[in-house]
N, C-alpha and C. Protein backbone atom coordinates (compact mmCIF):
# COMPACT_ATOMS: atom_id res chain seq x y z
N UNK A 1 175.70 179.76 88.63
CA UNK A 1 174.87 178.90 87.95
C UNK A 1 175.06 177.45 88.29
N UNK A 2 176.11 177.21 88.76
CA UNK A 2 176.39 175.86 89.16
C UNK A 2 175.51 175.45 90.32
N UNK A 3 175.25 176.36 91.08
CA UNK A 3 174.44 176.04 92.20
C UNK A 3 173.03 175.75 91.72
N UNK A 4 172.64 176.47 90.79
CA UNK A 4 171.30 176.22 90.33
C UNK A 4 171.23 174.88 89.62
N UNK A 5 172.34 174.54 88.95
CA UNK A 5 172.32 173.23 88.34
C UNK A 5 172.29 172.14 89.39
N UNK A 6 173.02 172.32 90.42
CA UNK A 6 173.06 171.33 91.52
C UNK A 6 171.72 171.29 92.21
N UNK A 7 171.15 172.46 92.34
CA UNK A 7 169.84 172.49 92.98
C UNK A 7 168.83 171.84 92.07
N UNK A 8 169.02 172.12 90.76
CA UNK A 8 168.04 171.54 89.87
C UNK A 8 168.24 170.04 89.78
N UNK A 9 169.44 169.53 89.89
CA UNK A 9 169.64 168.08 89.87
C UNK A 9 169.08 167.50 91.15
N UNK A 10 169.29 168.16 92.27
CA UNK A 10 168.74 167.69 93.53
C UNK A 10 167.21 167.79 93.48
N UNK A 11 166.75 168.86 92.85
CA UNK A 11 165.32 169.07 92.76
C UNK A 11 164.70 167.97 91.90
N UNK A 12 165.37 167.60 90.82
CA UNK A 12 164.87 166.54 89.94
C UNK A 12 164.81 165.21 90.69
N UNK A 13 165.89 164.95 91.50
CA UNK A 13 165.90 163.72 92.29
C UNK A 13 164.82 163.76 93.36
N UNK A 14 164.66 164.93 93.90
CA UNK A 14 163.64 165.11 94.93
C UNK A 14 162.26 164.85 94.33
N UNK A 15 162.06 165.40 93.14
CA UNK A 15 160.76 165.19 92.48
C UNK A 15 160.62 163.72 92.14
N UNK A 16 161.66 163.08 91.64
CA UNK A 16 161.58 161.67 91.32
C UNK A 16 161.31 160.85 92.58
N UNK A 17 161.98 161.26 93.65
CA UNK A 17 161.79 160.56 94.92
C UNK A 17 160.34 160.73 95.38
N UNK A 18 159.83 161.96 95.26
CA UNK A 18 158.45 162.23 95.70
C UNK A 18 157.46 161.48 94.79
N UNK A 19 157.76 161.42 93.50
CA UNK A 19 156.89 160.68 92.59
C UNK A 19 156.92 159.19 92.90
N UNK A 20 158.11 158.68 93.23
CA UNK A 20 158.22 157.27 93.60
C UNK A 20 157.41 157.01 94.86
N UNK A 21 157.49 157.94 95.85
CA UNK A 21 156.71 157.78 97.09
C UNK A 21 155.21 157.86 96.78
N UNK A 22 154.87 158.80 95.89
CA UNK A 22 153.47 158.95 95.52
C UNK A 22 152.97 157.69 94.81
N UNK A 23 153.78 157.13 93.92
CA UNK A 23 153.42 155.88 93.24
C UNK A 23 153.26 154.74 94.23
N UNK A 24 154.23 154.70 95.19
CA UNK A 24 154.13 153.68 96.24
C UNK A 24 152.83 153.86 97.04
N UNK A 25 152.54 155.09 97.37
CA UNK A 25 151.34 155.40 98.15
C UNK A 25 150.09 155.03 97.35
N UNK A 26 150.08 155.40 96.07
CA UNK A 26 148.93 155.08 95.22
C UNK A 26 148.79 153.57 95.04
N UNK A 27 149.98 152.94 94.88
CA UNK A 27 149.96 151.50 94.72
C UNK A 27 149.43 150.85 96.00
N UNK A 28 149.88 151.35 97.17
CA UNK A 28 149.38 150.83 98.45
C UNK A 28 147.88 151.10 98.59
N UNK A 29 147.48 152.30 98.15
CA UNK A 29 146.07 152.66 98.23
C UNK A 29 145.25 151.75 97.32
N UNK A 30 145.78 151.49 96.11
CA UNK A 30 145.08 150.58 95.20
C UNK A 30 145.03 149.17 95.81
N UNK A 31 146.16 148.76 96.37
CA UNK A 31 146.19 147.44 97.02
C UNK A 31 145.23 147.40 98.20
N UNK A 32 145.21 148.50 98.97
CA UNK A 32 144.28 148.56 100.12
C UNK A 32 142.84 148.53 99.63
N UNK A 33 142.52 149.27 98.56
CA UNK A 33 141.16 149.28 98.02
C UNK A 33 140.82 147.90 97.48
N UNK A 34 141.75 147.27 96.77
CA UNK A 34 141.52 145.92 96.26
C UNK A 34 141.36 144.93 97.40
N UNK A 35 142.20 145.09 98.42
CA UNK A 35 142.11 144.21 99.59
C UNK A 35 140.80 144.43 100.31
N UNK A 36 140.35 145.68 100.38
CA UNK A 36 139.08 146.01 101.01
C UNK A 36 137.92 145.35 100.25
N UNK A 37 137.98 145.47 98.92
CA UNK A 37 136.94 144.83 98.10
C UNK A 37 137.00 143.31 98.24
N UNK A 38 138.20 142.78 98.30
CA UNK A 38 138.36 141.33 98.48
C UNK A 38 137.82 140.92 99.84
N UNK A 39 138.09 141.72 100.88
CA UNK A 39 137.57 141.43 102.22
C UNK A 39 136.04 141.46 102.23
N UNK A 40 135.48 142.46 101.54
CA UNK A 40 134.01 142.55 101.45
C UNK A 40 133.47 141.32 100.73
N UNK A 41 134.13 140.95 99.63
CA UNK A 41 133.69 139.76 98.88
C UNK A 41 133.79 138.51 99.75
N UNK A 42 134.89 138.41 100.54
CA UNK A 42 135.05 137.26 101.43
C UNK A 42 133.94 137.22 102.48
N UNK A 43 133.61 138.41 103.02
CA UNK A 43 132.54 138.48 104.03
C UNK A 43 131.20 138.07 103.41
N UNK A 44 130.93 138.59 102.21
CA UNK A 44 129.69 138.22 101.51
C UNK A 44 129.67 136.72 101.24
N UNK A 45 130.82 136.19 100.81
CA UNK A 45 130.92 134.76 100.55
C UNK A 45 130.66 133.96 101.82
N UNK A 46 131.22 134.41 102.95
CA UNK A 46 130.97 133.74 104.24
C UNK A 46 129.48 133.77 104.59
N UNK A 47 128.85 134.93 104.37
CA UNK A 47 127.41 135.06 104.66
C UNK A 47 126.62 134.09 103.80
N UNK A 48 126.98 134.03 102.50
CA UNK A 48 126.26 133.13 101.60
C UNK A 48 126.50 131.67 101.97
N UNK A 49 127.70 131.36 102.39
CA UNK A 49 128.02 129.99 102.81
C UNK A 49 127.19 129.62 104.04
N UNK A 50 127.09 130.57 105.00
CA UNK A 50 126.30 130.30 106.22
C UNK A 50 124.82 130.15 105.86
N UNK A 51 124.32 131.00 104.95
CA UNK A 51 122.94 130.87 104.52
C UNK A 51 122.71 129.52 103.83
N UNK A 52 123.64 129.14 102.96
CA UNK A 52 123.52 127.86 102.26
C UNK A 52 123.55 126.70 103.26
N UNK A 53 124.44 126.78 104.24
CA UNK A 53 124.54 125.73 105.25
C UNK A 53 123.24 125.66 106.06
N UNK A 54 122.71 126.83 106.43
CA UNK A 54 121.46 126.87 107.19
C UNK A 54 120.32 126.30 106.37
N UNK A 55 120.25 126.68 105.10
CA UNK A 55 119.18 126.15 104.24
C UNK A 55 119.34 124.65 104.04
N UNK A 56 120.57 124.19 103.94
CA UNK A 56 120.82 122.76 103.79
C UNK A 56 120.37 122.02 105.04
N UNK A 57 120.72 122.55 106.23
CA UNK A 57 120.31 121.92 107.48
C UNK A 57 118.78 121.93 107.61
N UNK A 58 118.17 123.05 107.19
CA UNK A 58 116.72 123.14 107.24
C UNK A 58 116.09 122.11 106.29
N UNK A 59 116.67 121.98 105.10
CA UNK A 59 116.16 121.00 104.14
C UNK A 59 116.33 119.58 104.69
N UNK A 60 117.48 119.29 105.31
CA UNK A 60 117.70 117.96 105.90
C UNK A 60 116.69 117.70 107.01
N UNK A 61 116.42 118.74 107.81
CA UNK A 61 115.43 118.61 108.88
C UNK A 61 114.04 118.35 108.28
N UNK A 62 113.70 119.08 107.22
CA UNK A 62 112.41 118.90 106.57
C UNK A 62 112.30 117.49 105.98
N UNK A 63 113.39 117.00 105.38
CA UNK A 63 113.39 115.65 104.82
C UNK A 63 113.19 114.62 105.93
N UNK A 64 113.87 114.82 107.06
CA UNK A 64 113.71 113.89 108.19
C UNK A 64 112.28 113.95 108.73
N UNK A 65 111.75 115.17 108.87
CA UNK A 65 110.37 115.32 109.36
C UNK A 65 109.39 114.68 108.37
N UNK A 66 109.63 114.89 107.08
CA UNK A 66 108.77 114.30 106.05
C UNK A 66 108.86 112.78 106.11
N UNK A 67 110.06 112.25 106.29
CA UNK A 67 110.22 110.80 106.39
C UNK A 67 109.47 110.24 107.59
N UNK A 68 109.59 110.93 108.74
CA UNK A 68 108.88 110.48 109.93
C UNK A 68 107.37 110.56 109.72
N UNK A 69 106.92 111.66 109.12
CA UNK A 69 105.49 111.82 108.86
C UNK A 69 105.00 110.75 107.88
N UNK A 70 105.78 110.48 106.85
CA UNK A 70 105.41 109.45 105.88
C UNK A 70 105.34 108.09 106.54
N UNK A 71 106.30 107.81 107.41
CA UNK A 71 106.30 106.53 108.14
C UNK A 71 105.05 106.43 109.02
N UNK A 72 104.72 107.51 109.74
CA UNK A 72 103.52 107.51 110.58
C UNK A 72 102.26 107.32 109.74
N UNK A 73 102.20 107.99 108.60
CA UNK A 73 101.04 107.85 107.72
C UNK A 73 100.92 106.43 107.17
N UNK A 74 102.04 105.83 106.83
CA UNK A 74 102.00 104.45 106.34
C UNK A 74 101.54 103.50 107.45
N UNK A 75 102.00 103.75 108.68
CA UNK A 75 101.54 102.92 109.81
C UNK A 75 100.04 103.08 110.00
N UNK A 76 99.56 104.34 109.96
CA UNK A 76 98.13 104.58 110.12
C UNK A 76 97.32 103.97 108.99
N UNK A 77 97.87 104.04 107.78
CA UNK A 77 97.20 103.43 106.63
C UNK A 77 97.11 101.92 106.82
N UNK A 78 98.18 101.31 107.31
CA UNK A 78 98.17 99.88 107.57
C UNK A 78 97.12 99.53 108.62
N UNK A 79 97.06 100.33 109.68
CA UNK A 79 96.04 100.10 110.71
C UNK A 79 94.64 100.25 110.13
N UNK A 80 94.47 101.25 109.27
CA UNK A 80 93.17 101.47 108.65
C UNK A 80 92.76 100.28 107.81
N UNK A 81 93.71 99.75 107.01
CA UNK A 81 93.39 98.58 106.19
C UNK A 81 93.09 97.37 107.07
N UNK A 82 93.80 97.23 108.19
CA UNK A 82 93.51 96.13 109.11
C UNK A 82 92.10 96.27 109.67
N UNK A 83 91.74 97.50 110.06
CA UNK A 83 90.39 97.74 110.60
C UNK A 83 89.33 97.48 109.53
N UNK A 84 89.62 97.92 108.30
CA UNK A 84 88.67 97.69 107.22
C UNK A 84 88.50 96.19 106.96
N UNK A 85 89.60 95.44 107.00
CA UNK A 85 89.54 94.00 106.79
C UNK A 85 88.74 93.34 107.92
N UNK A 86 88.99 93.79 109.17
CA UNK A 86 88.24 93.26 110.30
C UNK A 86 86.76 93.59 110.15
N UNK A 87 86.48 94.82 109.73
CA UNK A 87 85.09 95.22 109.51
C UNK A 87 84.42 94.41 108.41
N UNK A 88 85.16 94.15 107.34
CA UNK A 88 84.60 93.33 106.25
C UNK A 88 84.33 91.90 106.72
N UNK A 89 85.26 91.37 107.53
CA UNK A 89 85.04 90.02 108.07
C UNK A 89 83.80 90.01 108.96
N UNK A 90 83.71 91.02 109.83
CA UNK A 90 82.54 91.11 110.71
C UNK A 90 81.27 91.28 109.89
N UNK A 91 81.35 92.08 108.85
CA UNK A 91 80.18 92.28 107.98
C UNK A 91 79.79 90.98 107.29
N UNK A 92 80.79 90.24 106.82
CA UNK A 92 80.51 88.94 106.19
C UNK A 92 79.89 87.97 107.18
N UNK A 93 80.44 87.95 108.41
CA UNK A 93 79.89 87.07 109.44
C UNK A 93 78.46 87.47 109.77
N UNK A 94 78.24 88.79 109.89
CA UNK A 94 76.88 89.25 110.19
C UNK A 94 75.93 88.96 109.04
N UNK A 95 76.42 89.07 107.81
CA UNK A 95 75.58 88.74 106.65
C UNK A 95 75.22 87.27 106.66
N UNK A 96 76.20 86.41 106.96
CA UNK A 96 75.94 84.97 107.03
C UNK A 96 74.94 84.67 108.15
N UNK A 97 75.14 85.32 109.28
CA UNK A 97 74.23 85.12 110.41
C UNK A 97 72.83 85.62 110.07
N UNK A 98 72.78 86.77 109.38
CA UNK A 98 71.50 87.32 108.97
C UNK A 98 70.80 86.36 108.00
N UNK A 99 71.57 85.76 107.09
CA UNK A 99 70.99 84.79 106.15
C UNK A 99 70.44 83.58 106.91
N UNK A 100 71.22 83.12 107.92
CA UNK A 100 70.75 82.00 108.74
C UNK A 100 69.46 82.38 109.47
N UNK A 101 69.48 83.57 110.07
CA UNK A 101 68.29 84.00 110.81
C UNK A 101 67.11 84.20 109.87
N UNK A 102 67.39 84.69 108.68
CA UNK A 102 66.32 84.89 107.70
C UNK A 102 65.72 83.54 107.30
N UNK A 103 66.58 82.53 107.07
CA UNK A 103 66.06 81.21 106.71
C UNK A 103 65.31 80.61 107.90
N UNK A 104 65.82 80.83 109.10
CA UNK A 104 65.11 80.34 110.29
C UNK A 104 63.76 81.04 110.44
N UNK A 105 63.75 82.36 110.14
CA UNK A 105 62.50 83.11 110.22
C UNK A 105 61.51 82.60 109.18
N UNK A 106 62.01 82.34 107.96
CA UNK A 106 61.13 81.79 106.93
C UNK A 106 60.57 80.44 107.37
N UNK A 107 61.45 79.60 107.94
CA UNK A 107 61.02 78.29 108.42
C UNK A 107 59.99 78.46 109.55
N UNK A 108 60.26 79.39 110.45
CA UNK A 108 59.34 79.64 111.56
C UNK A 108 57.99 80.14 111.03
N UNK A 109 58.04 81.05 110.04
CA UNK A 109 56.79 81.56 109.46
C UNK A 109 56.01 80.43 108.78
N UNK A 110 56.74 79.54 108.09
CA UNK A 110 56.08 78.41 107.43
C UNK A 110 55.43 77.51 108.48
N UNK A 111 56.20 77.21 109.54
CA UNK A 111 55.65 76.38 110.61
C UNK A 111 54.46 77.08 111.27
N UNK A 112 54.60 78.40 111.47
CA UNK A 112 53.50 79.15 112.08
C UNK A 112 52.27 79.11 111.19
N UNK A 113 52.49 79.29 109.88
CA UNK A 113 51.35 79.22 108.95
C UNK A 113 50.73 77.82 108.95
N UNK A 114 51.59 76.79 108.97
CA UNK A 114 51.08 75.41 109.03
C UNK A 114 50.28 75.19 110.31
N UNK A 115 50.83 75.69 111.43
CA UNK A 115 50.12 75.53 112.70
C UNK A 115 48.82 76.32 112.70
N UNK A 116 48.87 77.53 112.13
CA UNK A 116 47.64 78.32 112.06
C UNK A 116 46.59 77.63 111.21
N UNK A 117 47.05 77.03 110.11
CA UNK A 117 46.13 76.27 109.25
C UNK A 117 45.55 75.09 110.02
N UNK A 118 46.43 74.40 110.73
CA UNK A 118 45.96 73.25 111.53
C UNK A 118 45.02 73.70 112.63
N UNK A 119 45.36 74.82 113.28
CA UNK A 119 44.48 75.36 114.34
C UNK A 119 43.13 75.73 113.74
N UNK A 120 43.18 76.38 112.56
CA UNK A 120 41.92 76.76 111.92
C UNK A 120 41.10 75.53 111.56
N UNK A 121 41.81 74.49 111.06
CA UNK A 121 41.12 73.24 110.73
C UNK A 121 40.49 72.64 111.98
N UNK A 122 41.26 72.61 113.05
CA UNK A 122 40.72 72.07 114.31
C UNK A 122 39.56 72.92 114.82
N UNK A 123 39.70 74.24 114.66
CA UNK A 123 38.64 75.14 115.10
C UNK A 123 37.37 74.90 114.28
N UNK A 124 37.55 74.69 112.98
CA UNK A 124 36.39 74.40 112.12
C UNK A 124 35.74 73.07 112.52
N UNK A 125 36.60 72.06 112.79
CA UNK A 125 36.06 70.78 113.22
C UNK A 125 35.33 70.90 114.55
N UNK A 126 35.92 71.68 115.44
CA UNK A 126 35.29 71.88 116.74
C UNK A 126 33.95 72.58 116.58
N UNK A 127 33.93 73.62 115.74
CA UNK A 127 32.68 74.36 115.54
C UNK A 127 31.62 73.46 114.90
N UNK A 128 32.05 72.63 113.94
CA UNK A 128 31.11 71.71 113.30
C UNK A 128 30.58 70.69 114.31
N UNK A 129 31.49 70.18 115.15
CA UNK A 129 31.06 69.20 116.17
C UNK A 129 30.12 69.87 117.17
N UNK A 130 30.41 71.10 117.54
CA UNK A 130 29.53 71.82 118.48
C UNK A 130 28.15 72.05 117.86
N UNK A 131 28.15 72.40 116.57
CA UNK A 131 26.87 72.61 115.90
C UNK A 131 26.08 71.29 115.86
N UNK A 132 26.78 70.19 115.58
CA UNK A 132 26.10 68.89 115.55
C UNK A 132 25.57 68.53 116.93
N UNK A 133 26.34 68.83 117.99
CA UNK A 133 25.89 68.55 119.34
C UNK A 133 24.67 69.38 119.68
N UNK A 134 24.74 70.66 119.25
CA UNK A 134 23.58 71.51 119.50
C UNK A 134 22.35 70.99 118.77
N UNK A 135 22.57 70.54 117.53
CA UNK A 135 21.45 69.97 116.78
C UNK A 135 20.93 68.72 117.46
N UNK A 136 21.90 67.91 117.97
CA UNK A 136 21.49 66.66 118.61
C UNK A 136 20.72 66.93 119.89
N UNK A 137 21.05 68.04 120.55
CA UNK A 137 20.36 68.32 121.81
C UNK A 137 19.02 69.02 121.58
N UNK A 138 18.79 69.44 120.36
CA UNK A 138 17.50 70.08 120.08
C UNK A 138 16.42 68.99 120.08
N UNK A 139 15.32 69.27 120.67
CA UNK A 139 14.28 68.28 120.91
C UNK A 139 13.66 67.72 119.64
N UNK A 140 13.56 68.59 118.58
CA UNK A 140 12.86 68.08 117.40
C UNK A 140 13.72 67.13 116.59
N UNK A 141 15.07 67.19 116.78
CA UNK A 141 15.89 66.20 116.10
C UNK A 141 15.83 64.85 116.82
N UNK A 142 15.39 64.93 118.06
CA UNK A 142 15.28 63.71 118.82
C UNK A 142 14.14 62.84 118.28
N UNK A 143 13.21 63.49 117.64
CA UNK A 143 12.09 62.73 117.14
C UNK A 143 12.43 62.02 115.83
N UNK A 144 13.44 62.48 115.13
CA UNK A 144 13.80 61.83 113.87
C UNK A 144 14.50 60.54 114.23
N UNK A 145 13.96 59.42 113.76
CA UNK A 145 14.58 58.17 114.14
C UNK A 145 15.93 57.97 113.44
N UNK A 146 16.91 57.56 114.20
CA UNK A 146 18.24 57.24 113.71
C UNK A 146 19.16 58.46 113.51
N UNK A 147 18.68 59.66 113.81
CA UNK A 147 19.52 60.85 113.59
C UNK A 147 20.70 60.84 114.55
N UNK A 148 20.46 60.42 115.80
CA UNK A 148 21.56 60.34 116.77
C UNK A 148 22.59 59.33 116.32
N UNK A 149 22.10 58.24 115.72
CA UNK A 149 23.00 57.24 115.20
C UNK A 149 23.83 57.82 114.05
N UNK A 150 23.21 58.59 113.18
CA UNK A 150 23.91 59.26 112.08
C UNK A 150 25.01 60.20 112.62
N UNK A 151 24.68 60.95 113.68
CA UNK A 151 25.65 61.88 114.27
C UNK A 151 26.81 61.12 114.88
N UNK A 152 26.58 60.01 115.51
CA UNK A 152 27.64 59.22 116.13
C UNK A 152 28.55 58.65 115.05
N UNK A 153 27.92 58.09 113.96
CA UNK A 153 28.72 57.55 112.87
C UNK A 153 29.54 58.64 112.17
N UNK A 154 28.97 59.80 112.01
CA UNK A 154 29.68 60.92 111.37
C UNK A 154 30.88 61.34 112.22
N UNK A 155 30.72 61.38 113.54
CA UNK A 155 31.82 61.73 114.44
C UNK A 155 32.91 60.67 114.36
N UNK A 156 32.50 59.39 114.26
CA UNK A 156 33.49 58.31 114.19
C UNK A 156 34.26 58.38 112.87
N UNK A 157 33.58 58.70 111.78
CA UNK A 157 34.25 58.82 110.46
C UNK A 157 35.26 59.97 110.50
N UNK A 158 34.87 61.07 111.08
CA UNK A 158 35.79 62.22 111.18
C UNK A 158 36.99 61.87 112.03
N UNK A 159 36.80 61.13 113.11
CA UNK A 159 37.91 60.73 113.98
C UNK A 159 38.84 59.78 113.24
N UNK A 160 38.30 58.86 112.47
CA UNK A 160 39.17 57.92 111.74
C UNK A 160 39.91 58.64 110.63
N UNK A 161 39.28 59.64 110.01
CA UNK A 161 39.98 60.44 108.99
C UNK A 161 41.16 61.17 109.62
N UNK A 162 40.97 61.67 110.79
CA UNK A 162 42.07 62.39 111.45
C UNK A 162 43.19 61.44 111.81
N UNK A 163 42.87 60.22 112.22
CA UNK A 163 43.89 59.26 112.55
C UNK A 163 44.68 58.84 111.32
N UNK A 164 44.01 58.76 110.18
CA UNK A 164 44.70 58.40 108.94
C UNK A 164 45.62 59.52 108.53
């Protein structure tokens, strides 16, 4: 029986030793599983960091592009306002010139009307003088004494009126 006791004491130590190894193995396995999960989390974190960095760089690029576009638009807007100002000045100048030409046209029309009136007056005088000449050349007016003298005096009165 002693042997069995010795065997059983050795067996108990053997079992304790095997349990200690099993605990160590389980503990290593748990540590390995935890380390594996930590490694996966680290990899995911690295991926997220790279995505965040890429998105940040993209946002910075977009901000720079927006700034350049805004600057270009402001330059174009400034040019547009300059062109509009130039156009307004040209429009004002053309309006002033048009007003001058309009007043000159009114003056020309007035002068033309005055000249037409004068031409008409001269034409009427000419027609009247021609009629008087025709009357004077008619033979039966020649018989009226002093009619030629009347026509001459009438022509002289009309000439003096024109001179006045």
